Protein backbone atom coordinates (compact mmCIF):
# COMPACT_ATOMS: atom_id res chain seq x y z
CA UNK A 1 -43.35 23.91 -3.19
CA UNK A 2 -44.99 25.96 -6.13
CA UNK A 3 -45.29 29.37 -6.13
CA UNK A 4 -48.70 31.29 -6.04
CA UNK A 5 -50.17 32.84 -9.37
CA UNK A 6 -51.50 35.74 -7.27
CA UNK A 7 -49.84 38.45 -5.02
CA UNK A 8 -50.60 38.71 -1.11
CA UNK A 9 -49.30 41.23 1.13
CA UNK A 10 -47.67 39.50 4.38
CA UNK A 11 -50.02 40.98 6.62
CA UNK A 12 -52.74 39.41 4.30
CA UNK A 13 -54.40 36.40 5.87
CA UNK A 14 -55.18 33.73 3.45
CA UNK A 15 -57.46 30.77 5.08
CA UNK A 16 -57.20 27.18 3.18
CA UNK A 17 -60.15 26.44 1.11
CA UNK A 18 -60.60 29.55 -0.92
CA UNK A 19 -60.09 29.97 -4.51
CA UNK A 20 -57.90 32.94 -6.05
CA UNK A 21 -57.74 33.32 -9.52
CA UNK A 22 -54.06 34.33 -11.13
CA UNK A 23 -53.11 38.00 -11.30
CA UNK A 24 -55.27 38.95 -8.22
CA UNK A 25 -53.47 41.20 -5.54
CA UNK A 26 -54.42 41.17 -2.20
CA UNK A 27 -52.77 44.41 -0.05
CA UNK A 28 -52.34 45.04 4.08
CA UNK A 29 -54.44 43.40 6.35
CA UNK A 30 -56.70 41.71 4.69
CA UNK A 31 -58.76 38.85 5.31
CA UNK A 32 -59.57 35.81 2.56
CA UNK A 33 -61.54 33.49 4.22
CA UNK A 34 -62.43 29.47 3.49
CA UNK A 35 -64.86 28.76 0.72
CA UNK A 36 -64.72 32.19 -1.14
CA UNK A 37 -63.71 32.54 -4.74
CA UNK A 38 -62.07 35.69 -6.46
CA UNK A 39 -61.42 35.93 -10.12
CA UNK A 40 -58.57 36.45 -12.13
CA UNK A 41 -57.08 39.82 -11.67
CA UNK A 42 -58.92 40.89 -9.05
CA UNK A 43 -57.33 43.69 -6.32
CA UNK A 44 -58.22 43.60 -3.10
CA UNK A 45 -57.12 46.77 -1.08
CA UNK A 46 -56.32 47.24 2.87
CA UNK A 47 -58.38 46.20 5.83
CA UNK A 48 -60.65 44.37 3.40
CA UNK A 49 -62.76 40.80 4.76
CA UNK A 50 -64.21 38.04 2.40
CA UNK A 51 -66.49 35.89 3.99
CA UNK A 52 -67.21 32.18 3.23
CA UNK A 53 -68.99 31.60 -0.12
CA UNK A 54 -68.57 34.95 -1.52
CA UNK A 55 -67.80 35.13 -5.04
CA UNK A 56 -65.91 37.69 -7.22
CA UNK A 57 -65.60 37.65 -10.94
CA UNK A 58 -62.39 38.54 -12.94
CA UNK A 59 -61.02 42.15 -12.56
CA UNK A 60 -63.52 43.24 -9.53
CA UNK A 61 -61.65 45.96 -7.27
CA UNK A 62 -62.26 46.13 -3.91
CA UNK A 63 -61.28 49.44 -2.48
CA UNK A 64 -59.88 49.73 1.20
CA UNK A 65 -62.06 48.68 4.54
CA UNK A 66 -64.77 46.86 2.43
CA UNK A 67 -66.31 44.02 4.36
CA UNK A 68 -68.13 41.35 1.93
CA UNK A 69 -70.02 38.77 3.49
CA UNK A 70 -71.80 35.55 2.91
CA UNK A 71 -74.32 35.85 0.48
CA UNK A 72 -72.64 38.66 -1.67
CA UNK A 73 -71.88 37.56 -5.23
CA UNK A 74 -70.15 40.09 -7.78
CA UNK A 75 -69.67 39.31 -11.61
CA UNK A 76 -66.97 40.77 -13.46
CA UNK A 77 -65.61 44.32 -13.69
CA UNK A 78 -67.36 45.32 -10.11
CA UNK A 79 -66.03 48.43 -8.40
CA UNK A 80 -66.61 48.65 -4.98
CA UNK A 81 -65.69 52.05 -3.45
CA UNK A 82 -63.68 52.61 -0.44
CA UNK A 83 -65.78 51.49 3.26
CA UNK A 84 -68.87 50.48 1.48
CA UNK A 85 -71.11 48.13 3.15
CA UNK A 86 -72.76 45.16 2.76
CA UNK A 87 -75.32 43.32 4.83
CA UNK A 88 -76.60 39.89 4.72
CA UNK A 89 -79.33 39.87 7.43
CA UNK A 90 -82.27 42.22 7.63
CA UNK A 91 -82.97 41.93 11.47
CA UNK A 92 -79.52 41.38 13.07
CA UNK A 93 -79.63 40.94 16.93
CA UNK A 94 -76.69 39.75 19.03
CA UNK A 95 -78.05 37.33 21.06
CA UNK A 96 -79.82 35.43 17.96
CA UNK A 97 -78.20 33.55 15.61
CA UNK A 98 -79.69 34.04 12.24
CA UNK A 99 -77.16 32.52 10.00
CA UNK A 100 -79.33 30.43 8.38
CA UNK A 101 -81.14 33.80 7.14
CA UNK A 102 -78.84 35.09 5.31
CA UNK A 103 -80.27 36.85 2.10
CA UNK A 104 -78.24 37.03 -1.40
CA UNK A 105 -77.00 40.11 -3.09
CA UNK A 106 -76.14 40.04 -6.57
CA UNK A 107 -74.01 42.86 -8.10
CA UNK A 108 -73.92 42.29 -12.04
CA UNK A 109 -71.17 42.94 -14.40
CA UNK A 110 -69.47 46.35 -14.38
CA UNK A 111 -71.47 48.10 -12.04
CA UNK A 112 -70.26 50.55 -9.75
CA UNK A 113 -70.77 51.26 -5.95
CA UNK A 114 -69.35 54.60 -4.57
CA UNK A 115 -67.32 55.11 -1.03
CA UNK A 116 -69.46 54.97 1.91
CA UNK A 117 -72.65 53.38 0.29
CA UNK A 118 -74.63 50.67 1.77
CA UNK A 119 -76.58 47.92 0.04
CA UNK A 120 -79.16 46.03 2.20
CA UNK A 121 -79.23 42.90 1.49
CA UNK A 122 -81.54 40.86 -0.81
CA UNK A 123 -81.52 43.14 -3.94
CA UNK A 124 -79.78 42.98 -6.78
CA UNK A 125 -77.71 45.68 -8.78
CA UNK A 126 -78.21 45.80 -12.46
CA UNK A 127 -75.21 46.01 -15.17
CA UNK A 128 -73.30 49.18 -15.22
CA UNK A 129 -75.50 50.29 -12.48
CA UNK A 130 -73.86 53.61 -10.59
CA UNK A 131 -74.34 53.72 -6.94
CA UNK A 132 -73.30 57.48 -5.71
CA UNK A 133 -71.13 57.97 -2.45
CA UNK A 134 -73.13 57.61 0.79
CA UNK A 135 -75.85 56.33 -0.80
CA UNK A 136 -78.16 53.65 1.16
CA UNK A 137 -79.99 50.83 -1.27
CA UNK A 138 -82.95 49.24 -0.09
CA UNK A 139 -84.33 48.01 -3.68
CA UNK A 140 -83.23 46.51 -6.65
CA UNK A 141 -81.18 48.96 -8.99
CA UNK A 142 -81.87 48.70 -12.74
CA UNK A 143 -78.92 47.79 -15.37
CA UNK A 144 -77.45 51.20 -16.00
CA UNK A 145 -78.97 53.53 -13.39
CA UNK A 146 -77.77 56.16 -11.49
CA UNK A 147 -78.85 55.73 -7.61
CA UNK A 148 -78.25 58.39 -4.85
CA UNK A 149 -79.31 59.47 -1.56
CA UNK A 150 -80.85 57.77 1.64
CA UNK A 151 -82.84 55.95 0.77
CA UNK A 152 -81.21 55.71 -3.06
CA UNK A 153 -83.17 57.00 -5.55
CA UNK A 154 -82.96 56.89 -9.55
CA UNK A 155 -81.55 60.23 -10.54
CA UNK A 156 -80.67 59.20 -14.30
CA UNK A 157 -79.03 56.75 -16.58
CA UNK A 158 -74.92 56.11 -16.93
CA UNK A 159 -73.09 54.70 -19.96
CA UNK A 160 -70.79 51.75 -19.68
CA UNK A 161 -67.85 54.28 -19.51
CA UNK A 162 -69.43 56.07 -16.29
CA UNK A 163 -70.83 59.20 -17.88
CA UNK A 164 -74.29 60.44 -17.13
CA UNK A 165 -76.78 59.74 -20.25
CA UNK A 166 -78.68 62.60 -21.93
CA UNK A 167 -81.53 60.98 -23.76
CA UNK A 168 -83.32 62.77 -26.91
CA UNK A 169 -87.07 63.20 -28.05
CA UNK A 170 -86.64 59.50 -29.57
CA UNK A 171 -84.88 58.28 -26.55
CA UNK A 172 -81.51 57.92 -27.66
CA UNK A 173 -78.10 58.89 -26.18
CA UNK A 174 -74.71 58.81 -26.85
CA UNK A 175 -71.60 58.53 -24.26
CA UNK A 176 -69.31 61.64 -24.66
CA UNK A 177 -66.13 58.94 -23.89
CA UNK A 178 -66.69 56.12 -26.28
CA UNK A 179 -69.70 57.64 -28.65
CA UNK A 180 -71.28 54.61 -27.47
CA UNK A 181 -75.15 55.00 -28.40
CA UNK A 182 -77.70 53.84 -25.95
CA UNK A 183 -81.67 53.65 -26.46
CA UNK A 184 -84.20 54.43 -23.50
CA UNK A 185 -87.52 52.46 -24.16
CA UNK A 186 -90.15 51.84 -21.45
CA UNK A 187 -87.90 52.66 -18.87
CA UNK A 188 -85.48 50.29 -19.59
CA UNK A 189 -81.62 51.30 -21.17
CA UNK A 190 -80.11 49.39 -23.66
CA UNK A 191 -76.80 49.85 -25.59
CA UNK A 192 -77.21 49.67 -29.06
CA UNK A 193 -74.54 47.91 -31.33
CA UNK A 194 -73.52 50.66 -33.69
CA UNK A 195 -71.37 53.67 -32.36
CA UNK A 196 -72.30 57.37 -33.31
CA UNK A 197 -70.49 58.87 -36.13
């Protein structure tokens, strides 16, 4: 019998037919369902449910009490805060089966979603976007955007290191931790290749 290349706490339920990458850790009372894919070096906290068809990239951090429903995909280096929520149906009713109406949600590389936030299905979260704790996301979130509130509204821009960016008159900002430079042009942020000196 081969030893799995991932760690799972004895209380975790790992169904047959899922794919789990090397170095991934799955903690107490979590349920990994058939047909989902977890990349390498993910960390799945306590009491997490990952539904069929979900795909997580590499190094995804899922904190306690998160349910990731069918229709959700997370790219590499995504952070899902404690008790945040995904949905996958716009108009659920207990008596009506809407499994054929699941809407997709894509969380792009490096994005962070804060504790107790809700992501309404059918919307994409941009690269390195930052969703504040308790926010309710009801529309697409641009790359590097900081959004907060209910419904979530954009309040600024974030660096890849998770610092709020302050742009000068030329539309240039510098991350205080990495010294990487960012440009804001026509309502879009992109990281510049050369760091600040």
